[in-house]
Amino acid sequence: MDLEMIILFDGVCNLCEASVNFIIKRDKKKKFRFVPLQSDAGAKLLEDAGIRTDRLDTLILLKHGIPYTKSRGALEITRELDGLWRLLYAFIIVPRPIRDAAYSLIAKNRYKWFGKKDACMVPDDTVRNRFIIQR
């Protein structure tokens, strides 16, 4: 199993689920695997990467074992997408405190603005193999 690029996401967040679906559609080479932060596999990956599990207000990209969070994680993901989406990586020139402040504002309000589910998303059969269910 190729675990070079794994996206850990909030599995009960509607915005996060929409983001995962967005990435899947624009990742034709299937570079990314996905795992909900709330899952046992997610907890194990966080532990292995040395990331605190008490603040799960960000997506986390594990790229070749290196964790990227907040705006840097999002930009690293765009860098790997197909098409013109990779051009969004140019926002890396914006100072990180500014990027992360905008990211944190959205993350803090994601449930209020986009809603929340009672359970983690369940991938359909067409993309199930892109998700790490257990590890």
Protein backbone atom coordinates (compact mmCIF):
# COMPACT_ATOMS: atom_id res chain seq x y z
CA MET A 1 0.00 0.00 0.00
CA ASP A 2 1.45 3.37 -1.06
CA LEU A 3 1.21 5.70 1.89
CA GLU A 4 3.29 8.55 0.54
CA MET A 5 0.49 11.14 0.59
CA ILE A 6 -2.28 10.78 3.14
CA ILE A 7 -4.87 13.41 3.94
CA LEU A 8 -6.32 13.22 7.45
CA PHE A 9 -9.60 15.12 7.62
CA ASP A 10 -12.49 15.81 9.98
CA GLY A 11 -14.87 13.03 9.00
CA VAL A 12 -18.00 14.67 10.43
CA CYS A 13 -17.46 18.12 8.86
CA ASN A 14 -19.50 18.89 5.75
CA LEU A 15 -16.85 21.31 4.43
CA CYS A 16 -14.15 18.71 4.94
CA GLU A 17 -16.16 16.04 3.13
CA ALA A 18 -16.76 18.44 0.24
CA SER A 19 -13.02 19.15 0.17
CA VAL A 20 -12.20 15.43 0.04
CA ASN A 21 -14.64 14.95 -2.84
CA PHE A 22 -13.13 17.99 -4.60
CA ILE A 23 -9.63 16.51 -4.25
CA ILE A 24 -10.72 13.05 -5.44
CA LYS A 25 -12.18 14.52 -8.65
CA ARG A 26 -8.98 16.45 -9.36
CA ASP A 27 -6.52 13.71 -8.43
CA LYS A 28 -6.69 11.58 -11.57
CA LYS A 29 -3.38 9.86 -10.77
CA LYS A 30 -4.76 8.83 -7.37
CA LYS A 31 -1.80 10.19 -5.45
CA PHE A 32 -3.78 10.79 -2.26
CA ARG A 33 -5.23 8.41 0.31
CA PHE A 34 -7.72 9.62 2.91
CA VAL A 35 -8.44 8.85 6.55
CA PRO A 36 -10.83 10.50 9.00
CA LEU A 37 -9.14 12.06 12.01
CA GLN A 38 -11.73 10.38 14.24
CA SER A 39 -10.84 6.85 13.11
CA ASP A 40 -8.46 4.42 14.79
CA ALA A 41 -6.26 4.58 11.69
CA GLY A 42 -6.25 8.38 11.91
CA ALA A 43 -5.29 8.28 15.59
CA LYS A 44 -2.44 5.87 14.83
CA LEU A 45 -1.13 8.03 11.98
CA LEU A 46 -1.28 11.14 14.19
CA GLU A 47 0.56 9.34 16.96
CA ASP A 48 3.21 8.04 14.56
CA ALA A 49 3.72 11.58 13.21
CA GLY A 50 3.95 13.04 16.71
CA ILE A 51 0.89 15.26 16.26
CA ARG A 52 -1.26 16.14 19.26
CA THR A 53 -4.73 14.69 19.05
CA ASP A 54 -6.47 17.16 21.35
CA ARG A 55 -6.72 19.87 18.67
CA LEU A 56 -8.15 18.41 15.50
CA ASP A 57 -9.13 21.67 13.84
CA THR A 58 -7.05 21.24 10.71
CA LEU A 59 -6.58 18.88 7.85
CA ILE A 60 -3.24 17.18 7.91
CA LEU A 61 -1.28 16.11 4.87
CA LEU A 62 1.35 13.46 5.51
CA LYS A 63 3.60 13.80 2.48
CA HIS A 64 6.43 11.28 2.48
CA GLY A 65 6.10 11.12 6.27
CA ILE A 66 6.27 14.89 6.79
CA PRO A 67 3.14 16.45 8.34
CA TYR A 68 1.76 19.64 6.82
CA THR A 69 -1.11 21.40 8.58
CA LYS A 70 -3.42 24.37 8.12
CA SER A 71 -2.71 26.55 5.09
CA ARG A 72 0.56 24.81 4.29
CA GLY A 73 -1.24 21.45 4.13
CA ALA A 74 -3.92 22.88 1.85
CA LEU A 75 -1.33 24.47 -0.44
CA GLU A 76 0.74 21.29 -0.62
CA ILE A 77 -2.41 19.46 -1.69
CA THR A 78 -3.17 21.97 -4.47
CA ARG A 79 0.41 21.56 -5.68
CA GLU A 80 -0.32 17.88 -6.40
CA LEU A 81 -3.72 18.29 -8.09
CA ASP A 82 -4.29 17.93 -11.81
CA GLY A 83 -4.92 20.95 -14.01
CA LEU A 84 -4.63 24.58 -13.11
CA TRP A 85 -5.42 23.99 -9.44
CA ARG A 86 -1.71 23.59 -8.79
CA LEU A 87 -1.30 27.30 -9.53
CA LEU A 88 -2.93 28.02 -6.16
CA TYR A 89 0.37 27.00 -4.63
CA ALA A 90 1.55 30.51 -5.54
CA PHE A 91 -0.22 31.67 -2.36
CA ILE A 92 2.76 30.21 -0.48
CA ILE A 93 4.29 33.70 -0.88
CA VAL A 94 1.67 35.09 1.51
CA PRO A 95 3.24 35.08 4.98
CA ARG A 96 2.24 31.98 6.92
CA PRO A 97 0.70 33.88 9.88
CA ILE A 98 -1.73 35.59 7.50
CA ARG A 99 -2.56 32.36 5.63
CA ASP A 100 -3.01 30.43 8.86
CA ALA A 101 -5.20 33.17 10.40
CA ALA A 102 -7.59 32.89 7.45
CA TYR A 103 -7.47 29.09 7.62
CA SER A 104 -8.11 29.11 11.38
CA LEU A 105 -11.09 31.45 11.01
CA ILE A 106 -12.74 29.04 8.59
CA ALA A 107 -11.77 25.99 10.67
CA LYS A 108 -13.16 27.55 13.85
CA ASN A 109 -16.51 28.25 12.18
CA ARG A 110 -16.75 25.24 9.85
CA TYR A 111 -19.55 23.52 11.76
CA LYS A 112 -21.55 26.72 12.14
CA TRP A 113 -21.17 27.74 8.50
CA PHE A 114 -21.22 24.35 6.75
CA GLY A 115 -22.79 21.93 9.22
CA LYS A 116 -21.76 18.73 10.92
CA LYS A 117 -22.83 15.10 10.68
CA ASP A 118 -23.37 12.61 13.46
CA ALA A 119 -20.95 10.09 11.94
CA CYS A 120 -17.95 10.05 9.64
CA MET A 121 -18.55 9.98 5.93
CA VAL A 122 -18.80 6.59 4.29
CA PRO A 123 -17.08 6.48 0.89
CA ASP A 124 -18.97 4.86 -1.94
CA ASP A 125 -17.65 1.80 -3.78
CA THR A 126 -15.99 3.84 -6.53
CA VAL A 127 -13.52 5.50 -4.13
CA ARG A 128 -13.50 3.18 -1.10
CA ASN A 129 -10.02 1.88 -1.98
CA ARG A 130 -8.65 5.44 -1.61
CA PHE A 131 -9.58 5.47 2.09
CA ILE A 132 -7.60 3.93 4.90
CA ILE A 133 -10.20 2.23 7.04
CA GLN A 134 -7.91 0.43 9.45
CA ARG A 135 -4.21 0.14 9.93
